[in-house]
Amino acid sequence: MIRRILLLLVLLLVLLVAVAFAALNPGIVTVNLGWFDATMQKSLLVTLVFAAGWMFGLLSLGVVLARMLVERRRLRRALRLAEAEVSTLRSVPTAHAD
């Protein structure tokens, strides 16, 4: 319950900061992306750049997690083979070194 309230308070704070930013920066800017020009409000531009950064972060996280899953699968397979080898070696009678 407390966690939800804290999350709601953080979201409300972010919303208030966004509204304050939009109110303090009412200007319009032109962005040249090389192949076309876009005219938009400063607050919208900042929001879009923030969202693009967030999406890039999620994509990067997805790549890292996929690599970790592949590595985990490889390590589990190696562990299974090592355990099978140990089990086989334990069942083999040992020669006495007399």
C-alpha atoms as a PDB file:
ATOM      1  CA  MET A   1       0.000   0.000   0.000  1.00  0.00           C
ATOM      2  CA  ILE A   2       2.787   2.412   0.955  1.00  0.00           C
ATOM      3  CA  ARG A   3       4.639   1.468  -2.222  1.00  0.00           C
ATOM      4  CA  ARG A   4       1.665   2.456  -4.368  1.00  0.00           C
ATOM      5  CA  ILE A   5       1.299   5.760  -2.558  1.00  0.00           C
ATOM      6  CA  LEU A   6       4.998   6.532  -3.062  1.00  0.00           C
ATOM      7  CA  LEU A   7       4.745   5.614  -6.746  1.00  0.00           C
ATOM      8  CA  LEU A   8       1.698   7.847  -7.113  1.00  0.00           C
ATOM      9  CA  LEU A   9       3.525  10.722  -5.402  1.00  0.00           C
ATOM     10  CA  VAL A  10       6.548  10.316  -7.683  1.00  0.00           C
ATOM     11  CA  LEU A  11       4.322  10.262 -10.769  1.00  0.00           C
ATOM     12  CA  LEU A  12       2.489  13.341  -9.540  1.00  0.00           C
ATOM     13  CA  LEU A  13       5.807  15.115  -8.965  1.00  0.00           C
ATOM     14  CA  VAL A  14       6.979  14.226 -12.489  1.00  0.00           C
ATOM     15  CA  LEU A  15       3.694  15.499 -13.902  1.00  0.00           C
ATOM     16  CA  LEU A  16       4.020  18.778 -11.994  1.00  0.00           C
ATOM     17  CA  VAL A  17       7.597  19.251 -13.217  1.00  0.00           C
ATOM     18  CA  ALA A  18       6.473  18.562 -16.802  1.00  0.00           C
ATOM     19  CA  VAL A  19       3.628  21.084 -16.533  1.00  0.00           C
ATOM     20  CA  ALA A  20       5.964  23.672 -15.004  1.00  0.00           C
ATOM     21  CA  PHE A  21       8.504  23.085 -17.779  1.00  0.00           C
ATOM     22  CA  ALA A  22       5.835  23.467 -20.452  1.00  0.00           C
ATOM     23  CA  ALA A  23       4.547  26.677 -18.841  1.00  0.00           C
ATOM     24  CA  LEU A  24       8.029  28.196 -18.500  1.00  0.00           C
ATOM     25  CA  ASN A  25       9.088  27.278 -22.067  1.00  0.00           C
ATOM     26  CA  PRO A  26       6.162  28.138 -24.344  1.00  0.00           C
ATOM     27  CA  GLY A  27       8.339  28.720 -27.421  1.00  0.00           C
ATOM     28  CA  ILE A  28       8.316  26.817 -30.659  1.00  0.00           C
ATOM     29  CA  VAL A  29      11.516  25.413 -32.162  1.00  0.00           C
ATOM     30  CA  THR A  30      12.396  24.051 -35.587  1.00  0.00           C
ATOM     31  CA  VAL A  31      14.354  20.817 -35.579  1.00  0.00           C
ATOM     32  CA  ASN A  32      16.362  19.892 -38.672  1.00  0.00           C
ATOM     33  CA  LEU A  33      16.756  16.124 -38.827  1.00  0.00           C
ATOM     34  CA  GLY A  34      18.659  16.097 -42.084  1.00  0.00           C
ATOM     35  CA  TRP A  35      15.937  14.815 -44.374  1.00  0.00           C
ATOM     36  CA  PHE A  36      13.117  17.006 -43.049  1.00  0.00           C
ATOM     37  CA  ASP A  37      12.375  19.899 -40.717  1.00  0.00           C
ATOM     38  CA  ALA A  38       9.940  19.619 -37.837  1.00  0.00           C
ATOM     39  CA  THR A  39       8.392  22.540 -35.966  1.00  0.00           C
ATOM     40  CA  MET A  40       7.145  21.777 -32.449  1.00  0.00           C
ATOM     41  CA  GLN A  41       6.906  23.146 -28.942  1.00  0.00           C
ATOM     42  CA  LYS A  42       9.951  22.876 -26.687  1.00  0.00           C
ATOM     43  CA  SER A  43       8.124  20.787 -24.115  1.00  0.00           C
ATOM     44  CA  LEU A  44       6.946  18.322 -26.765  1.00  0.00           C
ATOM     45  CA  LEU A  45      10.477  18.054 -28.128  1.00  0.00           C
ATOM     46  CA  VAL A  46      11.915  17.337 -24.685  1.00  0.00           C
ATOM     47  CA  THR A  47       9.191  14.751 -24.054  1.00  0.00           C
ATOM     48  CA  LEU A  48       9.893  13.016 -27.366  1.00  0.00           C
ATOM     49  CA  VAL A  49      13.636  12.979 -26.746  1.00  0.00           C
ATOM     50  CA  PHE A  50      13.058  11.598 -23.244  1.00  0.00           C
ATOM     51  CA  ALA A  51      10.769   8.877 -24.626  1.00  0.00           C
ATOM     52  CA  ALA A  52      13.304   7.997 -27.338  1.00  0.00           C
ATOM     53  CA  GLY A  53      16.031   7.686 -24.714  1.00  0.00           C
ATOM     54  CA  TRP A  54      13.799   5.520 -22.585  1.00  0.00           C
ATOM     55  CA  MET A  55      13.034   3.244 -25.539  1.00  0.00           C
ATOM     56  CA  PHE A  56      16.741   3.016 -26.401  1.00  0.00           C
ATOM     57  CA  GLY A  57      17.447   2.056 -22.784  1.00  0.00           C
ATOM     58  CA  LEU A  58      14.805  -0.677 -22.890  1.00  0.00           C
ATOM     59  CA  LEU A  59      16.233  -1.978 -26.164  1.00  0.00           C
ATOM     60  CA  SER A  60      19.734  -2.041 -24.689  1.00  0.00           C
ATOM     61  CA  LEU A  61      18.452  -3.825 -21.607  1.00  0.00           C
ATOM     62  CA  GLY A  62      16.717  -6.384 -23.819  1.00  0.00           C
ATOM     63  CA  VAL A  63      19.961  -7.117 -25.668  1.00  0.00           C
ATOM     64  CA  VAL A  64      21.874  -7.545 -22.404  1.00  0.00           C
ATOM     65  CA  LEU A  65      19.165  -9.796 -20.949  1.00  0.00           C
ATOM     66  CA  ALA A  66      19.101 -11.937 -24.101  1.00  0.00           C
ATOM     67  CA  ARG A  67      22.871 -12.411 -23.871  1.00  0.00           C
ATOM     68  CA  MET A  68      22.580 -13.326 -20.195  1.00  0.00           C
ATOM     69  CA  LEU A  69      19.882 -15.886 -20.948  1.00  0.00           C
ATOM     70  CA  VAL A  70      22.034 -17.504 -23.631  1.00  0.00           C
ATOM     71  CA  GLU A  71      24.996 -17.584 -21.234  1.00  0.00           C
ATOM     72  CA  ARG A  72      22.808 -19.040 -18.479  1.00  0.00           C
ATOM     73  CA  ARG A  73      21.567 -21.774 -20.808  1.00  0.00           C
ATOM     74  CA  ARG A  74      25.152 -22.598 -21.822  1.00  0.00           C
ATOM     75  CA  LEU A  75      26.307 -22.743 -18.190  1.00  0.00           C
ATOM     76  CA  ARG A  76      23.386 -24.982 -17.176  1.00  0.00           C
ATOM     77  CA  ARG A  77      24.228 -27.373 -20.008  1.00  0.00           C
ATOM     78  CA  ALA A  78      27.896 -27.432 -18.932  1.00  0.00           C
ATOM     79  CA  LEU A  79      26.866 -28.033 -15.320  1.00  0.00           C
ATOM     80  CA  ARG A  80      24.602 -30.900 -16.348  1.00  0.00           C
ATOM     81  CA  LEU A  81      27.464 -32.521 -18.286  1.00  0.00           C
ATOM     82  CA  ALA A  82      29.884 -32.030 -15.367  1.00  0.00           C
ATOM     83  CA  GLU A  83      27.410 -33.567 -12.912  1.00  0.00           C
ATOM     84  CA  ALA A  84      26.907 -36.542 -15.233  1.00  0.00           C
ATOM     85  CA  GLU A  85      30.689 -37.011 -15.472  1.00  0.00           C
ATOM     86  CA  VAL A  86      31.071 -36.873 -11.692  1.00  0.00           C
ATOM     87  CA  SER A  87      28.263 -39.383 -11.281  1.00  0.00           C
ATOM     88  CA  THR A  88      29.922 -41.696 -13.795  1.00  0.00           C
ATOM     89  CA  LEU A  89      33.314 -41.372 -12.123  1.00  0.00           C
ATOM     90  CA  ARG A  90      31.835 -42.144  -8.707  1.00  0.00           C
ATOM     91  CA  SER A  91      30.293 -45.356  -9.955  1.00  0.00           C
ATOM     92  CA  VAL A  92      33.565 -46.644 -11.463  1.00  0.00           C
ATOM     93  CA  PRO A  93      35.460 -48.851  -8.998  1.00  0.00           C
ATOM     94  CA  THR A  94      38.866 -47.471  -8.082  1.00  0.00           C
ATOM     95  CA  ALA A  95      42.051 -49.478  -8.366  1.00  0.00           C
ATOM     96  CA  HIS A  96      43.901 -49.839  -5.087  1.00  0.00           C
ATOM     97  CA  ALA A  97      47.428 -48.475  -5.140  1.00  0.00           C
ATOM     98  CA  ASP A  98      49.081 -51.173  -3.010  1.00  0.00           C
END
